Amino acid sequence: MSALVERLLSPPVNPGGRHQPARPSWDCQVCAGPWPCPAGRTELHGTFAGDKVGLSMHMGVVLHLAVHEISPDVDGQLFGRFVTWTR
């Protein structure tokens, strides 16, 4: 993945209290739960305004980044955590 894509997908540190991931743990910066937390999912749905395909594609890219940063013992759960909920 190019440095530009990585930078574009990396959220700023807690912009306005939004539920964003803290990397490399991928826990929410606000509520400390696994990101995307319920509030983060709601924010993402709002950002993509009903574009489920776009949201799913975005979260697929985010999954690709997270797989390389989260310990391998939880990799089997990451697809559900990052992508399945977007349906």
PDB file of N, CA and C in Angstrom:
ATOM      1  N   MET A   1       0.854  -1.165   0.000  1.00  0.00           N
ATOM      2  CA  MET A   1       0.000   0.000   0.000  1.00  0.00           C
ATOM      3  C   MET A   1       0.901   1.230   0.000  1.00  0.00           C
ATOM      4  N   SER A   2       0.564   2.201  -0.811  1.00  0.00           N
ATOM      5  CA  SER A   2       1.400   3.387  -0.911  1.00  0.00           C
ATOM      6  C   SER A   2       1.291   4.241   0.346  1.00  0.00           C
ATOM      7  N   ALA A   3       2.302   5.047   0.566  1.00  0.00           N
ATOM      8  CA  ALA A   3       2.309   5.933   1.734  1.00  0.00           C
ATOM      9  C   ALA A   3       1.144   6.918   1.675  1.00  0.00           C
ATOM     10  N   LEU A   4       0.773   7.363   0.479  1.00  0.00           N
ATOM     11  CA  LEU A   4      -0.341   8.295   0.342  1.00  0.00           C
ATOM     12  C   LEU A   4      -1.651   7.645   0.770  1.00  0.00           C
ATOM     13  N   VAL A   5      -1.905   6.430   0.312  1.00  0.00           N
ATOM     14  CA  VAL A   5      -3.132   5.724   0.699  1.00  0.00           C
ATOM     15  C   VAL A   5      -3.142   5.499   2.201  1.00  0.00           C
ATOM     16  N   GLU A   6      -2.022   5.092   2.753  1.00  0.00           N
ATOM     17  CA  GLU A   6      -1.913   4.877   4.201  1.00  0.00           C
ATOM     18  C   GLU A   6      -2.248   6.165   4.961  1.00  0.00           C
ATOM     19  N   ARG A   7      -1.710   7.289   4.505  1.00  0.00           N
ATOM     20  CA  ARG A   7      -1.960   8.569   5.175  1.00  0.00           C
ATOM     21  C   ARG A   7      -3.419   8.969   5.062  1.00  0.00           C
ATOM     22  N   LEU A   8      -4.015   8.760   3.900  1.00  0.00           N
ATOM     23  CA  LEU A   8      -5.414   9.121   3.702  1.00  0.00           C
ATOM     24  C   LEU A   8      -6.346   8.278   4.562  1.00  0.00           C
ATOM     25  N   LEU A   9      -5.992   7.033   4.800  1.00  0.00           N
ATOM     26  CA  LEU A   9      -6.837   6.148   5.596  1.00  0.00           C
ATOM     27  C   LEU A   9      -6.576   6.264   7.088  1.00  0.00           C
ATOM     28  N   SER A  10      -5.493   6.923   7.470  1.00  0.00           N
ATOM     29  CA  SER A  10      -5.184   7.084   8.886  1.00  0.00           C
ATOM     30  C   SER A  10      -5.942   8.286   9.422  1.00  0.00           C
ATOM     31  N   PRO A  11      -6.869   8.057  10.358  1.00  0.00           N
ATOM     32  CA  PRO A  11      -7.642   9.176  10.873  1.00  0.00           C
ATOM     33  C   PRO A  11      -6.790  10.091  11.739  1.00  0.00           C
ATOM     34  N   PRO A  12      -7.121  11.380  11.778  1.00  0.00           N
ATOM     35  CA  PRO A  12      -6.435  12.273  12.696  1.00  0.00           C
ATOM     36  C   PRO A  12      -6.757  11.853  14.130  1.00  0.00           C
ATOM     37  N   VAL A  13      -5.938  12.266  15.059  1.00  0.00           N
ATOM     38  CA  VAL A  13      -6.162  11.887  16.453  1.00  0.00           C
ATOM     39  C   VAL A  13      -7.437  12.540  16.959  1.00  0.00           C
ATOM     40  N   ASN A  14      -8.437  11.721  17.210  1.00  0.00           N
ATOM     41  CA  ASN A  14      -9.706  12.089  17.818  1.00  0.00           C
ATOM     42  C   ASN A  14     -10.255  13.444  17.370  1.00  0.00           C
ATOM     43  N   PRO A  15     -10.610  13.602  16.108  1.00  0.00           N
ATOM     44  CA  PRO A  15     -11.136  14.879  15.635  1.00  0.00           C
ATOM     45  C   PRO A  15     -12.540  15.128  16.170  1.00  0.00           C
ATOM     46  N   GLY A  16     -12.685  16.066  17.064  1.00  0.00           N
ATOM     47  CA  GLY A  16     -14.001  16.445  17.573  1.00  0.00           C
ATOM     48  C   GLY A  16     -14.717  15.352  18.342  1.00  0.00           C
ATOM     49  N   GLY A  17     -13.990  14.460  18.989  1.00  0.00           N
ATOM     50  CA  GLY A  17     -14.620  13.420  19.782  1.00  0.00           C
ATOM     51  C   GLY A  17     -15.220  12.280  18.985  1.00  0.00           C
ATOM     52  N   ARG A  18     -14.900  12.188  17.706  1.00  0.00           N
ATOM     53  CA  ARG A  18     -15.429  11.094  16.885  1.00  0.00           C
ATOM     54  C   ARG A  18     -14.784   9.782  17.292  1.00  0.00           C
ATOM     55  N   HIS A  19     -15.524   8.730  17.099  1.00  0.00           N
ATOM     56  CA  HIS A  19     -15.049   7.391  17.440  1.00  0.00           C
ATOM     57  C   HIS A  19     -14.148   6.892  16.319  1.00  0.00           C
ATOM     58  N   GLN A  20     -12.852   7.059  16.506  1.00  0.00           N
ATOM     59  CA  GLN A  20     -11.832   6.711  15.528  1.00  0.00           C
ATOM     60  C   GLN A  20     -10.897   5.670  16.129  1.00  0.00           C
ATOM     61  N   PRO A  21     -10.213   4.884  15.284  1.00  0.00           N
ATOM     62  CA  PRO A  21      -9.298   3.876  15.818  1.00  0.00           C
ATOM     63  C   PRO A  21      -7.981   4.476  16.293  1.00  0.00           C
ATOM     64  N   ALA A  22      -7.476   3.935  17.374  1.00  0.00           N
ATOM     65  CA  ALA A  22      -6.121   4.233  17.828  1.00  0.00           C
ATOM     66  C   ALA A  22      -5.245   3.113  17.280  1.00  0.00           C
ATOM     67  N   ARG A  23      -4.285   3.469  16.475  1.00  0.00           N
ATOM     68  CA  ARG A  23      -3.440   2.458  15.875  1.00  0.00           C
ATOM     69  C   ARG A  23      -2.133   2.366  16.641  1.00  0.00           C
ATOM     70  N   PRO A  24      -1.583   1.200  16.785  1.00  0.00           N
ATOM     71  CA  PRO A  24      -1.868  -0.039  16.080  1.00  0.00           C
ATOM     72  C   PRO A  24      -2.847  -0.977  16.789  1.00  0.00           C
ATOM     73  N   SER A  25      -3.420  -0.572  17.922  1.00  0.00           N
ATOM     74  CA  SER A  25      -4.325  -1.478  18.643  1.00  0.00           C
ATOM     75  C   SER A  25      -5.686  -1.617  17.970  1.00  0.00           C
ATOM     76  N   TRP A  26      -6.100  -0.612  17.217  1.00  0.00           N
ATOM     77  CA  TRP A  26      -7.407  -0.556  16.577  1.00  0.00           C
ATOM     78  C   TRP A  26      -8.538  -0.570  17.601  1.00  0.00           C
ATOM     79  N   ASP A  27      -8.279   0.007  18.775  1.00  0.00           N
ATOM     80  CA  ASP A  27      -9.331   0.248  19.758  1.00  0.00           C
ATOM     81  C   ASP A  27      -9.819   1.671  19.571  1.00  0.00           C
ATOM     82  N   CYS A  28     -11.054   1.936  19.966  1.00  0.00           N
ATOM     83  CA  CYS A  28     -11.646   3.260  19.799  1.00  0.00           C
ATOM     84  C   CYS A  28     -10.940   4.274  20.698  1.00  0.00           C
ATOM     85  N   GLN A  29     -10.648   5.452  20.153  1.00  0.00           N
ATOM     86  CA  GLN A  29     -10.002   6.514  20.917  1.00  0.00           C
ATOM     87  C   GLN A  29     -10.932   7.109  21.967  1.00  0.00           C
ATOM     88  N   VAL A  30     -12.242   6.969  21.792  1.00  0.00           N
ATOM     89  CA  VAL A  30     -13.200   7.571  22.719  1.00  0.00           C
ATOM     90  C   VAL A  30     -13.641   6.585  23.792  1.00  0.00           C
ATOM     91  N   CYS A  31     -14.134   5.413  23.388  1.00  0.00           N
ATOM     92  CA  CYS A  31     -14.714   4.476  24.359  1.00  0.00           C
ATOM     93  C   CYS A  31     -13.801   3.296  24.683  1.00  0.00           C
ATOM     94  N   ALA A  32     -12.681   3.178  24.016  1.00  0.00           N
ATOM     95  CA  ALA A  32     -11.660   2.152  24.252  1.00  0.00           C
ATOM     96  C   ALA A  32     -12.101   0.733  23.892  1.00  0.00           C
ATOM     97  N   GLY A  33     -13.255   0.569  23.272  1.00  0.00           N
ATOM     98  CA  GLY A  33     -13.684  -0.745  22.808  1.00  0.00           C
ATOM     99  C   GLY A  33     -13.066  -1.056  21.462  1.00  0.00           C
ATOM    100  N   PRO A  34     -13.217  -2.285  20.993  1.00  0.00           N
ATOM    101  CA  PRO A  34     -12.700  -2.632  19.664  1.00  0.00           C
ATOM    102  C   PRO A  34     -13.374  -1.767  18.598  1.00  0.00           C
ATOM    103  N   TRP A  35     -12.546  -1.121  17.770  1.00  0.00           N
ATOM    104  CA  TRP A  35     -13.090  -0.277  16.703  1.00  0.00           C
ATOM    105  C   TRP A  35     -13.306  -1.128  15.461  1.00  0.00           C
ATOM    106  N   PRO A  36     -14.377  -0.927  14.721  1.00  0.00           N
ATOM    107  CA  PRO A  36     -15.400   0.092  14.898  1.00  0.00           C
ATOM    108  C   PRO A  36     -16.409  -0.299  15.980  1.00  0.00           C
ATOM    109  N   CYS A  37     -16.486   0.534  16.996  1.00  0.00           N
ATOM    110  CA  CYS A  37     -17.439   0.344  18.087  1.00  0.00           C
ATOM    111  C   CYS A  37     -18.841   0.687  17.568  1.00  0.00           C
ATOM    112  N   PRO A  38     -19.895   0.430  18.322  1.00  0.00           N
ATOM    113  CA  PRO A  38     -21.244   0.767  17.838  1.00  0.00           C
ATOM    114  C   PRO A  38     -21.391   2.234  17.411  1.00  0.00           C
ATOM    115  N   ALA A  39     -20.828   3.156  18.194  1.00  0.00           N
ATOM    116  CA  ALA A  39     -20.918   4.576  17.817  1.00  0.00           C
ATOM    117  C   ALA A  39     -20.099   4.854  16.560  1.00  0.00           C
ATOM    118  N   GLY A  40     -18.941   4.215  16.434  1.00  0.00           N
ATOM    119  CA  GLY A  40     -18.119   4.376  15.234  1.00  0.00           C
ATOM    120  C   GLY A  40     -18.820   3.850  13.996  1.00  0.00           C
ATOM    121  N   ARG A  41     -19.527   2.741  14.134  1.00  0.00           N
ATOM    122  CA  ARG A  41     -20.285   2.188  13.005  1.00  0.00           C
ATOM    123  C   ARG A  41     -21.388   3.150  12.581  1.00  0.00           C
ATOM    124  N   THR A  42     -22.057   3.741  13.564  1.00  0.00           N
ATOM    125  CA  THR A  42     -23.104   4.726  13.254  1.00  0.00           C
ATOM    126  C   THR A  42     -22.507   5.912  12.507  1.00  0.00           C
ATOM    127  N   GLU A  43     -21.353   6.389  12.959  1.00  0.00           N
ATOM    128  CA  GLU A  43     -20.689   7.505  12.282  1.00  0.00           C
ATOM    129  C   GLU A  43     -20.293   7.122  10.856  1.00  0.00           C
ATOM    130  N   LEU A  44     -19.781   5.912  10.681  1.00  0.00           N
ATOM    131  CA  LEU A  44     -19.395   5.465   9.339  1.00  0.00           C
ATOM    132  C   LEU A  44     -20.609   5.351   8.423  1.00  0.00           C
ATOM    133  N   HIS A  45     -21.720   4.822   8.935  1.00  0.00           N
ATOM    134  CA  HIS A  45     -22.947   4.765   8.128  1.00  0.00           C
ATOM    135  C   HIS A  45     -23.352   6.172   7.696  1.00  0.00           C
ATOM    136  N   GLY A  46     -23.250   7.133   8.602  1.00  0.00           N
ATOM    137  CA  GLY A  46     -23.585   8.516   8.264  1.00  0.00           C
ATOM    138  C   GLY A  46     -22.650   9.096   7.228  1.00  0.00           C
ATOM    139  N   THR A  47     -21.373   8.800   7.354  1.00  0.00           N
ATOM    140  CA  THR A  47     -20.381   9.304   6.404  1.00  0.00           C
ATOM    141  C   THR A  47     -20.642   8.782   4.999  1.00  0.00           C
ATOM    142  N   PHE A  48     -21.026   7.522   4.893  1.00  0.00           N
ATOM    143  CA  PHE A  48     -21.254   6.915   3.582  1.00  0.00           C
ATOM    144  C   PHE A  48     -22.692   7.071   3.105  1.00  0.00           C
ATOM    145  N   ALA A  49     -23.541   7.680   3.905  1.00  0.00           N
ATOM    146  CA  ALA A  49     -24.909   8.073   3.522  1.00  0.00           C
ATOM    147  C   ALA A  49     -25.647   7.020   2.694  1.00  0.00           C
ATOM    148  N   GLY A  50     -25.696   5.801   3.203  1.00  0.00           N
ATOM    149  CA  GLY A  50     -26.451   4.759   2.512  1.00  0.00           C
ATOM    150  C   GLY A  50     -25.706   4.029   1.414  1.00  0.00           C
ATOM    151  N   ASP A  51     -24.478   4.415   1.139  1.00  0.00           N
ATOM    152  CA  ASP A  51     -23.677   3.740   0.110  1.00  0.00           C
ATOM    153  C   ASP A  51     -23.021   2.506   0.732  1.00  0.00           C
ATOM    154  N   LYS A  52     -23.767   1.405   0.796  1.00  0.00           N
ATOM    155  CA  LYS A  52     -23.263   0.193   1.446  1.00  0.00           C
ATOM    156  C   LYS A  52     -22.072  -0.408   0.712  1.00  0.00           C
ATOM    157  N   VAL A  53     -22.066  -0.308  -0.603  1.00  0.00           N
ATOM    158  CA  VAL A  53     -20.934  -0.833  -1.371  1.00  0.00           C
ATOM    159  C   VAL A  53     -19.680  -0.026  -1.048  1.00  0.00           C
ATOM    160  N   GLY A  54     -19.797   1.287  -1.053  1.00  0.00           N
ATOM    161  CA  GLY A  54     -18.656   2.145  -0.723  1.00  0.00           C
ATOM    162  C   GLY A  54     -18.153   1.901   0.689  1.00  0.00           C
ATOM    163  N   LEU A  55     -19.083   1.765   1.638  1.00  0.00           N
ATOM    164  CA  LEU A  55     -18.711   1.491   3.025  1.00  0.00           C
ATOM    165  C   LEU A  55     -17.998   0.145   3.130  1.00  0.00           C
ATOM    166  N   SER A  56     -18.527  -0.866   2.458  1.00  0.00           N
ATOM    167  CA  SER A  56     -17.901  -2.192   2.489  1.00  0.00           C
ATOM    168  C   SER A  56     -16.505  -2.164   1.874  1.00  0.00           C
ATOM    169  N   MET A  57     -16.349  -1.448   0.776  1.00  0.00           N
ATOM    170  CA  MET A  57     -15.035  -1.348   0.138  1.00  0.00           C
ATOM    171  C   MET A  57     -14.051  -0.622   1.052  1.00  0.00           C
ATOM    172  N   HIS A  58     -14.497   0.465   1.655  1.00  0.00           N
ATOM    173  CA  HIS A  58     -13.645   1.222   2.581  1.00  0.00           C
ATOM    174  C   HIS A  58     -13.192   0.331   3.737  1.00  0.00           C
ATOM    175  N   MET A  59     -14.140  -0.396   4.317  1.00  0.00           N
ATOM    176  CA  MET A  59     -13.805  -1.237   5.462  1.00  0.00           C
ATOM    177  C   MET A  59     -12.929  -2.420   5.052  1.00  0.00           C
ATOM    178  N   GLY A  60     -13.034  -2.864   3.802  1.00  0.00           N
ATOM    179  CA  GLY A  60     -12.129  -3.895   3.305  1.00  0.00           C
ATOM    180  C   GLY A  60     -10.691  -3.403   3.271  1.00  0.00           C
ATOM    181  N   VAL A  61     -10.501  -2.158   2.855  1.00  0.00           N
ATOM    182  CA  VAL A  61      -9.161  -1.564   2.854  1.00  0.00           C
ATOM    183  C   VAL A  61      -8.669  -1.399   4.292  1.00  0.00           C
ATOM    184  N   VAL A  62      -9.559  -0.949   5.180  1.00  0.00           N
ATOM    185  CA  VAL A  62      -9.193  -0.794   6.587  1.00  0.00           C
ATOM    186  C   VAL A  62      -8.809  -2.153   7.182  1.00  0.00           C
ATOM    187  N   LEU A  63      -9.549  -3.196   6.829  1.00  0.00           N
ATOM    188  CA  LEU A  63      -9.220  -4.551   7.286  1.00  0.00           C
ATOM    189  C   LEU A  63      -7.811  -4.928   6.849  1.00  0.00           C
ATOM    190  N   HIS A  64      -7.470  -4.627   5.613  1.00  0.00           N
ATOM    191  CA  HIS A  64      -6.129  -4.934   5.102  1.00  0.00           C
ATOM    192  C   HIS A  64      -5.056  -4.277   5.972  1.00  0.00           C
ATOM    193  N   LEU A  65      -5.285  -3.042   6.370  1.00  0.00           N
ATOM    194  CA  LEU A  65      -4.324  -2.344   7.229  1.00  0.00           C
ATOM    195  C   LEU A  65      -4.269  -2.982   8.615  1.00  0.00           C
ATOM    196  N   ALA A  66      -5.433  -3.280   9.172  1.00  0.00           N
ATOM    197  CA  ALA A  66      -5.507  -3.808  10.537  1.00  0.00           C
ATOM    198  C   ALA A  66      -4.865  -5.184  10.659  1.00  0.00           C
ATOM    199  N   VAL A  67      -5.010  -6.012   9.637  1.00  0.00           N
ATOM    200  CA  VAL A  67      -4.446  -7.366   9.675  1.00  0.00           C
ATOM    201  C   VAL A  67      -2.944  -7.319   9.939  1.00  0.00           C
ATOM    202  N   HIS A  68      -2.284  -6.290   9.444  1.00  0.00           N
ATOM    203  CA  HIS A  68      -0.839  -6.181   9.608  1.00  0.00           C
ATOM    204  C   HIS A  68      -0.446  -5.571  10.950  1.00  0.00           C
ATOM    205  N   GLU A  69      -1.405  -5.034  11.693  1.00  0.00           N
ATOM    206  CA  GLU A  69      -1.083  -4.364  12.950  1.00  0.00           C
ATOM    207  C   GLU A  69      -1.623  -5.073  14.192  1.00  0.00           C
ATOM    208  N   ILE A  70      -2.646  -5.896  14.045  1.00  0.00           N
ATOM    209  CA  ILE A  70      -3.236  -6.592  15.182  1.00  0.00           C
ATOM    210  C   ILE A  70      -2.607  -7.974  15.273  1.00  0.00           C
ATOM    211  N   SER A  71      -2.361  -8.431  16.483  1.00  0.00           N
ATOM    212  CA  SER A  71      -1.676  -9.712  16.675  1.00  0.00           C
ATOM    213  C   SER A  71      -2.389 -10.845  15.941  1.00  0.00           C
ATOM    214  N   PRO A  72      -1.621 -11.771  15.395  1.00  0.00           N
ATOM    215  CA  PRO A  72      -2.178 -12.840  14.560  1.00  0.00           C
ATOM    216  C   PRO A  72      -3.217 -13.724  15.244  1.00  0.00           C
ATOM    217  N   ASP A  73      -3.214 -13.812  16.567  1.00  0.00           N
ATOM    218  CA  ASP A  73      -4.152 -14.716  17.230  1.00  0.00           C
ATOM    219  C   ASP A  73      -5.608 -14.284  17.098  1.00  0.00           C
ATOM    220  N   VAL A  74      -5.873 -13.065  16.673  1.00  0.00           N
ATOM    221  CA  VAL A  74      -7.262 -12.628  16.513  1.00  0.00           C
ATOM    222  C   VAL A  74      -7.649 -12.437  15.047  1.00  0.00           C
ATOM    223  N   ASP A  75      -6.764 -12.762  14.126  1.00  0.00           N
ATOM    224  CA  ASP A  75      -7.035 -12.537  12.700  1.00  0.00           C
ATOM    225  C   ASP A  75      -8.329 -13.179  12.227  1.00  0.00           C
ATOM    226  N   GLY A  76      -8.690 -14.319  12.767  1.00  0.00           N
ATOM    227  CA  GLY A  76      -9.913 -14.987  12.338  1.00  0.00           C
ATOM    228  C   GLY A  76     -11.170 -14.198  12.632  1.00  0.00           C
ATOM    229  N   GLN A  77     -11.114 -13.265  13.554  1.00  0.00           N
ATOM    230  CA  GLN A  77     -12.273 -12.468  13.943  1.00  0.00           C
ATOM    231  C   GLN A  77     -12.340 -11.133  13.207  1.00  0.00           C
ATOM    232  N   LEU A  78     -11.294 -10.756  12.541  1.00  0.00           N
ATOM    233  CA  LEU A  78     -11.224  -9.407  11.985  1.00  0.00           C
ATOM    234  C   LEU A  78     -12.216  -9.157  10.855  1.00  0.00           C
ATOM    235  N   PHE A  79     -12.487 -10.139  10.021  1.00  0.00           N
ATOM    236  CA  PHE A  79     -13.434  -9.912   8.925  1.00  0.00           C
ATOM    237  C   PHE A  79     -14.798  -9.525   9.487  1.00  0.00           C
ATOM    238  N   GLY A  80     -15.254 -10.238  10.495  1.00  0.00           N
ATOM    239  CA  GLY A  80     -16.527  -9.901  11.122  1.00  0.00           C
ATOM    240  C   GLY A  80     -16.505  -8.537  11.778  1.00  0.00           C
ATOM    241  N   ARG A  81     -15.415  -8.239  12.424  1.00  0.00           N
ATOM    242  CA  ARG A  81     -15.284  -6.954  13.128  1.00  0.00           C
ATOM    243  C   ARG A  81     -15.270  -5.770  12.164  1.00  0.00           C
ATOM    244  N   PHE A  82     -14.587  -5.915  11.035  1.00  0.00           N
ATOM    245  CA  PHE A  82     -14.404  -4.785  10.136  1.00  0.00           C
ATOM    246  C   PHE A  82     -15.361  -4.751   8.947  1.00  0.00           C
ATOM    247  N   VAL A  83     -15.834  -5.895   8.474  1.00  0.00           N
ATOM    248  CA  VAL A  83     -16.585  -5.894   7.213  1.00  0.00           C
ATOM    249  C   VAL A  83     -18.009  -6.424   7.336  1.00  0.00           C
ATOM    250  N   THR A  84     -18.219  -7.529   8.027  1.00  0.00           N
ATOM    251  CA  THR A  84     -19.530  -8.185   8.034  1.00  0.00           C
ATOM    252  C   THR A  84     -20.661  -7.252   8.438  1.00  0.00           C
ATOM    253  N   TRP A  85     -20.441  -6.385   9.404  1.00  0.00           N
ATOM    254  CA  TRP A  85     -21.493  -5.489   9.900  1.00  0.00           C
ATOM    255  C   TRP A  85     -21.960  -4.475   8.855  1.00  0.00           C
ATOM    256  N   THR A  86     -21.216  -4.288   7.783  1.00  0.00           N
ATOM    257  CA  THR A  86     -21.573  -3.262   6.790  1.00  0.00           C
ATOM    258  C   THR A  86     -22.733  -3.674   5.897  1.00  0.00           C
ATOM    259  N   ARG A  87     -23.155  -4.925   5.943  1.00  0.00           N
ATOM    260  CA  ARG A  87     -24.227  -5.423   5.069  1.00  0.00           C
ATOM    261  C   ARG A  87     -25.555  -4.784   5.390  1.00  0.00           C
TER     262      ARG A  87
END
